[in-house]
Each structure stands twice: as structure tokens, then as C-alpha cells.
Protein backbone atom coordinates (compact mmCIF):
# COMPACT_ATOMS: atom_id res chain seq x y z
CA UNK A 1 -35.81 -85.48 14.33
CA UNK A 2 -33.47 -82.51 15.46
CA UNK A 3 -31.42 -80.77 12.48
CA UNK A 4 -27.83 -81.91 13.25
CA UNK A 5 -26.31 -79.44 10.75
CA UNK A 6 -28.14 -76.49 12.73
CA UNK A 7 -26.95 -78.05 16.09
CA UNK A 8 -23.22 -78.21 14.75
CA UNK A 9 -23.54 -74.97 13.69
CA UNK A 10 -24.90 -73.14 16.55
CA UNK A 11 -22.34 -75.30 18.89
CA UNK A 12 -19.43 -74.04 16.36
CA UNK A 13 -20.60 -70.54 17.31
CA UNK A 14 -20.54 -70.78 20.78
CA UNK A 15 -17.49 -72.51 21.11
CA UNK A 16 -16.00 -68.96 19.78
CA UNK A 17 -17.31 -67.17 22.38
CA UNK A 18 -14.70 -66.65 25.65
CA UNK A 19 -15.91 -67.18 28.96
CA UNK A 20 -15.48 -63.43 29.63
CA UNK A 21 -17.92 -62.45 27.18
CA UNK A 22 -21.51 -60.64 28.44
CA UNK A 23 -23.22 -63.44 26.84
CA UNK A 24 -22.09 -66.08 29.09
CA UNK A 25 -23.12 -65.86 32.68
CA UNK A 26 -25.87 -66.05 35.17
CA UNK A 27 -29.32 -65.08 34.08
CA UNK A 28 -29.58 -61.23 34.61
CA UNK A 29 -32.96 -59.70 34.49
CA UNK A 30 -33.07 -57.65 31.31
CA UNK A 31 -30.27 -58.80 29.98
CA UNK A 32 -29.65 -61.36 27.04
CA UNK A 33 -27.45 -63.57 28.78
CA UNK A 34 -27.50 -67.06 29.91
CA UNK A 35 -24.68 -70.14 31.66
CA UNK A 36 -23.34 -72.57 28.61
CA UNK A 37 -24.77 -75.16 30.58
CA UNK A 38 -26.52 -76.08 34.03
CA UNK A 39 -25.32 -78.85 36.30
CA UNK A 40 -29.11 -79.01 37.67
CA UNK A 41 -30.61 -79.06 33.95
CA UNK A 42 -33.31 -76.55 35.46
CA UNK A 43 -32.31 -73.28 33.90
CA UNK A 44 -32.07 -72.10 30.55
CA UNK A 45 -28.67 -72.16 29.17
CA UNK A 46 -27.11 -71.53 25.65
CA UNK A 47 -27.05 -75.35 25.12
CA UNK A 48 -30.55 -75.87 25.88
CA UNK A 49 -31.75 -72.89 23.66
CA UNK A 50 -29.53 -74.26 20.79
CA UNK A 51 -31.35 -77.63 21.16
CA UNK A 52 -34.59 -76.11 21.62
CA UNK A 53 -34.22 -74.60 18.00
CA UNK A 54 -32.48 -77.49 16.45
CA UNK A 55 -35.34 -79.81 17.55
CA UNK A 56 -37.95 -77.34 15.62
CA UNK A 57 -35.98 -76.54 12.41
CA UNK A 58 -36.33 -77.61 8.72
CA UNK A 59 -33.41 -79.31 7.06
CA UNK A 60 -31.63 -76.81 5.70
CA UNK A 61 -28.37 -78.08 3.64
CA UNK A 62 -25.88 -75.24 4.16
CA UNK A 63 -25.74 -71.34 5.26
CA UNK A 64 -27.20 -70.19 2.35
CA UNK A 65 -30.39 -71.83 3.49
CA UNK A 66 -32.96 -70.87 5.83
CA UNK A 67 -32.96 -72.14 9.05
CA UNK A 68 -36.61 -72.34 9.48
CA UNK A 69 -38.65 -72.65 12.77
CA UNK A 70 -42.77 -72.15 13.57
CA UNK A 71 -43.60 -69.10 15.32
CA UNK A 72 -44.42 -70.11 19.15
CA UNK A 73 -46.32 -67.03 19.81
CA UNK A 74 -49.62 -65.98 18.83
CA UNK A 75 -47.78 -62.54 17.15
CA UNK A 76 -46.09 -64.80 14.60
CA UNK A 77 -42.88 -64.67 16.30
CA UNK A 78 -39.91 -67.19 17.64
CA UNK A 79 -39.46 -65.87 21.32
CA UNK A 80 -36.69 -67.72 23.54
CA UNK A 81 -37.90 -67.67 27.49
CA UNK A 82 -34.77 -66.92 29.76
CA UNK A 83 -36.49 -67.10 32.98
CA UNK A 84 -40.30 -68.04 34.38
CA UNK A 85 -40.44 -64.08 35.70
CA UNK A 86 -38.50 -60.75 35.43
CA UNK A 87 -39.00 -57.78 33.10
CA UNK A 88 -38.11 -58.30 29.71
CA UNK A 89 -37.49 -62.14 30.13
CA UNK A 90 -38.57 -62.90 26.58
CA UNK A 91 -36.52 -62.30 23.54
CA UNK A 92 -37.12 -62.45 20.21
CA UNK A 93 -35.25 -65.34 18.36
CA UNK A 94 -33.41 -63.82 15.60
CA UNK A 95 -31.52 -61.18 18.24
CA UNK A 96 -30.89 -64.08 20.15
CA UNK A 97 -29.25 -65.78 17.25
CA UNK A 98 -27.88 -62.74 15.95
CA UNK A 99 -25.99 -61.87 18.98
CA UNK A 100 -24.35 -65.31 19.30
CA UNK A 101 -23.17 -65.14 15.81
CA UNK A 102 -22.03 -60.93 16.39
CA UNK A 103 -21.14 -61.17 20.12
CA UNK A 104 -19.68 -57.81 19.79
CA UNK A 105 -22.79 -56.19 18.99
CA UNK A 106 -24.69 -57.22 22.12
CA UNK A 107 -25.15 -53.83 23.16
CA UNK A 108 -27.32 -52.88 19.99
CA UNK A 109 -29.05 -56.10 20.38
CA UNK A 110 -29.86 -55.49 23.70
CA UNK A 111 -31.24 -52.02 23.09
CA UNK A 112 -34.47 -52.70 22.44
CA UNK A 113 -35.60 -48.86 21.68
CA UNK A 114 -32.96 -48.08 19.58
CA UNK A 115 -33.66 -47.30 15.80
CA UNK A 116 -31.49 -50.63 14.87
CA UNK A 117 -33.03 -53.61 13.61
CA UNK A 118 -32.28 -57.18 12.99
CA UNK A 119 -33.51 -57.56 9.34
CA UNK A 120 -33.70 -60.74 7.56
CA UNK A 121 -32.00 -60.58 3.87
CA UNK A 122 -34.02 -63.85 2.85
CA UNK A 123 -37.19 -62.13 4.08
CA UNK A 124 -38.47 -64.84 6.18
CA UNK A 125 -38.84 -62.53 8.97
CA UNK A 126 -41.91 -62.46 11.45
CA UNK A 127 -45.35 -61.59 10.19
CA UNK A 128 -47.87 -60.80 12.59
CA UNK A 129 -50.90 -63.25 13.47
CA UNK A 130 -49.32 -65.64 10.73
CA UNK A 131 -48.26 -69.48 11.22
CA UNK A 132 -45.32 -68.19 8.78
CA UNK A 133 -42.26 -70.03 9.63
CA UNK A 134 -39.24 -67.46 10.87
CA UNK A 135 -35.72 -67.65 9.83
CA UNK A 136 -32.82 -68.26 12.69
CA UNK A 137 -30.03 -68.19 10.16
CA UNK A 138 -27.54 -66.12 11.52
CA UNK A 139 -25.47 -65.69 8.08
CA UNK A 140 -29.27 -64.37 6.91
CA UNK A 141 -29.21 -61.63 9.54
CA UNK A 142 -28.01 -57.92 9.44
CA UNK A 143 -28.52 -55.08 12.09
CA UNK A 144 -29.63 -52.25 10.25
CA UNK A 145 -31.51 -48.97 10.65
CA UNK A 146 -35.39 -49.59 10.84
CA UNK A 147 -35.95 -47.96 7.23
CA UNK A 148 -33.40 -50.04 5.82
CA UNK A 149 -35.17 -53.47 7.47
CA UNK A 150 -38.63 -52.33 5.78
CA UNK A 151 -36.75 -52.39 2.41
CA UNK A 152 -35.36 -55.47 3.00
CA UNK A 153 -38.57 -57.12 3.34
CA UNK A 154 -39.71 -58.88 0.05
CA UNK A 155 -36.47 -57.42 -2.08
CA UNK A 156 -38.20 -56.63 -5.27
CA UNK A 157 -35.04 -56.75 -7.48
CA UNK A 158 -35.21 -60.34 -8.34
CA UNK A 159 -31.66 -61.54 -8.06
CA UNK A 160 -28.40 -60.61 -6.28
CA UNK A 161 -27.04 -58.57 -9.24
CA UNK A 162 -29.35 -56.27 -9.00
CA UNK A 163 -30.32 -56.14 -5.63
CA UNK A 164 -29.18 -52.73 -4.09
CA UNK A 165 -28.53 -53.60 -0.10
CA UNK A 166 -25.22 -54.38 1.51
CA UNK A 167 -24.75 -56.91 2.40
CA UNK A 168 -27.03 -58.21 -0.46
CA UNK A 169 -29.92 -59.88 0.05
CA UNK A 170 -30.45 -63.93 0.15
CA UNK A 171 -33.07 -65.44 -2.56
CA UNK A 172 -34.65 -68.26 -1.33
CA UNK A 173 -37.74 -70.46 -2.15
CA UNK A 174 -40.31 -69.43 -0.31
CA UNK A 175 -42.11 -72.82 0.40
CA UNK A 176 -38.82 -74.48 1.56
CA UNK A 177 -36.34 -71.97 2.39
CA UNK A 178 -34.18 -73.64 -0.29
CA UNK A 179 -31.24 -71.05 -1.53
CA UNK A 180 -31.97 -70.25 -5.24
CA UNK A 181 -28.29 -70.61 -6.54
CA UNK A 182 -28.77 -68.97 -9.76
CA UNK A 183 -30.17 -65.91 -8.31
CA UNK A 184 -27.69 -65.73 -5.72
CA UNK A 185 -24.47 -66.25 -7.45
CA UNK A 186 -22.15 -62.91 -8.00
CA UNK A 187 -19.43 -64.45 -10.34
CA UNK A 188 -20.98 -66.68 -12.75
CA UNK A 189 -24.70 -65.83 -12.46
CA UNK A 190 -27.03 -68.02 -14.86
CA UNK A 191 -30.15 -66.91 -16.51
CA UNK A 192 -32.91 -68.88 -14.05
CA UNK A 193 -34.42 -70.21 -17.90
CA UNK A 194 -31.01 -72.23 -17.82
CA UNK A 195 -31.31 -73.53 -14.38
CA UNK A 196 -30.16 -77.18 -13.54
CA UNK A 197 -31.20 -76.97 -9.83
CA UNK A 198 -33.69 -78.85 -8.14
CA UNK A 199 -36.22 -76.82 -6.67
CA UNK A 200 -35.75 -74.86 -9.74
CA UNK A 201 -34.35 -71.13 -9.30
CA UNK A 202 -37.22 -69.63 -11.14
């Protein structure tokens, strides 16, 4: 069954985008651009992309949780194929959903050779040649320099109060992708030993 929560969130993001946005339009070689929908149903559209992700996603409870999908390439990535032919017709899933949530930064997302990477604040990014799920939650993604992206991976500081990154890292259970509230609470942090959540924030 598809994750209706993820589908609704993506539809809400798509609904905010104006028809004049460079994200909306006919498929163009080398561009991250799709029509909202297609009358004949044969072409890649934003609606089809949203539903394809929702069908394979886990069951997150909120924006705090990871929206995990299994990788669909041999390289441990989740990619979105915009058209059967043409150069640069495949886009990395995190870049696609980041652009959907941050359309004003599309030019940076499209420039694949730039030193700016879409980093996972939760640490659940792609892992080469593995079957590790990839997080496509746009609220867990941030566009940063490549060196900062490396530092984001597996933040070693243990909780948001100690994390030096901006925006702060998101601490989740590695097996389920569910948020660890005790470790992510900035205002009234609790010690994990006093945690009452299930699963526990240890």
C-alpha cells in the first residue's frame, strides 16, 4: 500500500509551485522539468513521480521521520528517469524532491558539477553498492558544500544540542527511520535514559 502521508505532503509541495516555474513544463533534455500531468498517461509527470515514490516508501508518521525508499539502481541510489532517451535523463531522487520543496534553488540542483551537494541531515543518504534504504524526505535535505556534506554523514555528536551543523542534523533510528524525539528536542531536551518513547531514543 502507498504511504498516503508522503503522497499528501508531496502533493502539497507541488500545489505551491506556480505554473510558470522552470520545474513545470515539457520534458527537456538535461533539465529537471516535468509537466504536472499527462492526458495520455504515457509520459513522466510530477504526479506519476510522486505516486511512484509513495508506493515504495515506508510509513513515516511526520516530517521528522525518514521517508525511506529502497534503492533502484545497482549503485545504492534511488533515481527518477524522466525520459527513455537523451543525455542526463536520470536524476538522483534526493535532488528531485529537494527541488520540489525548494524551487528557487533549482539552478544549483541542476548544476551537477558544482561543489554543492544535497546532503542528508538524517544520515540516510545513498551508499554505494548496498541495499540500504534512501531517505527522500525533503525536510531532511539541505544544499551544502561537498566538504560539509561529508561531515554531515553519520553526525558523531549524538544529539541536536551538541551538533555543530546548521541546520541541525536529524537523529533517527537506523532500522526504521523514525525520529528520536529526545535527541532532537532543542527546547526541553530529555536524557535518553529518561525516555518514554517507543522505540526508545537510545
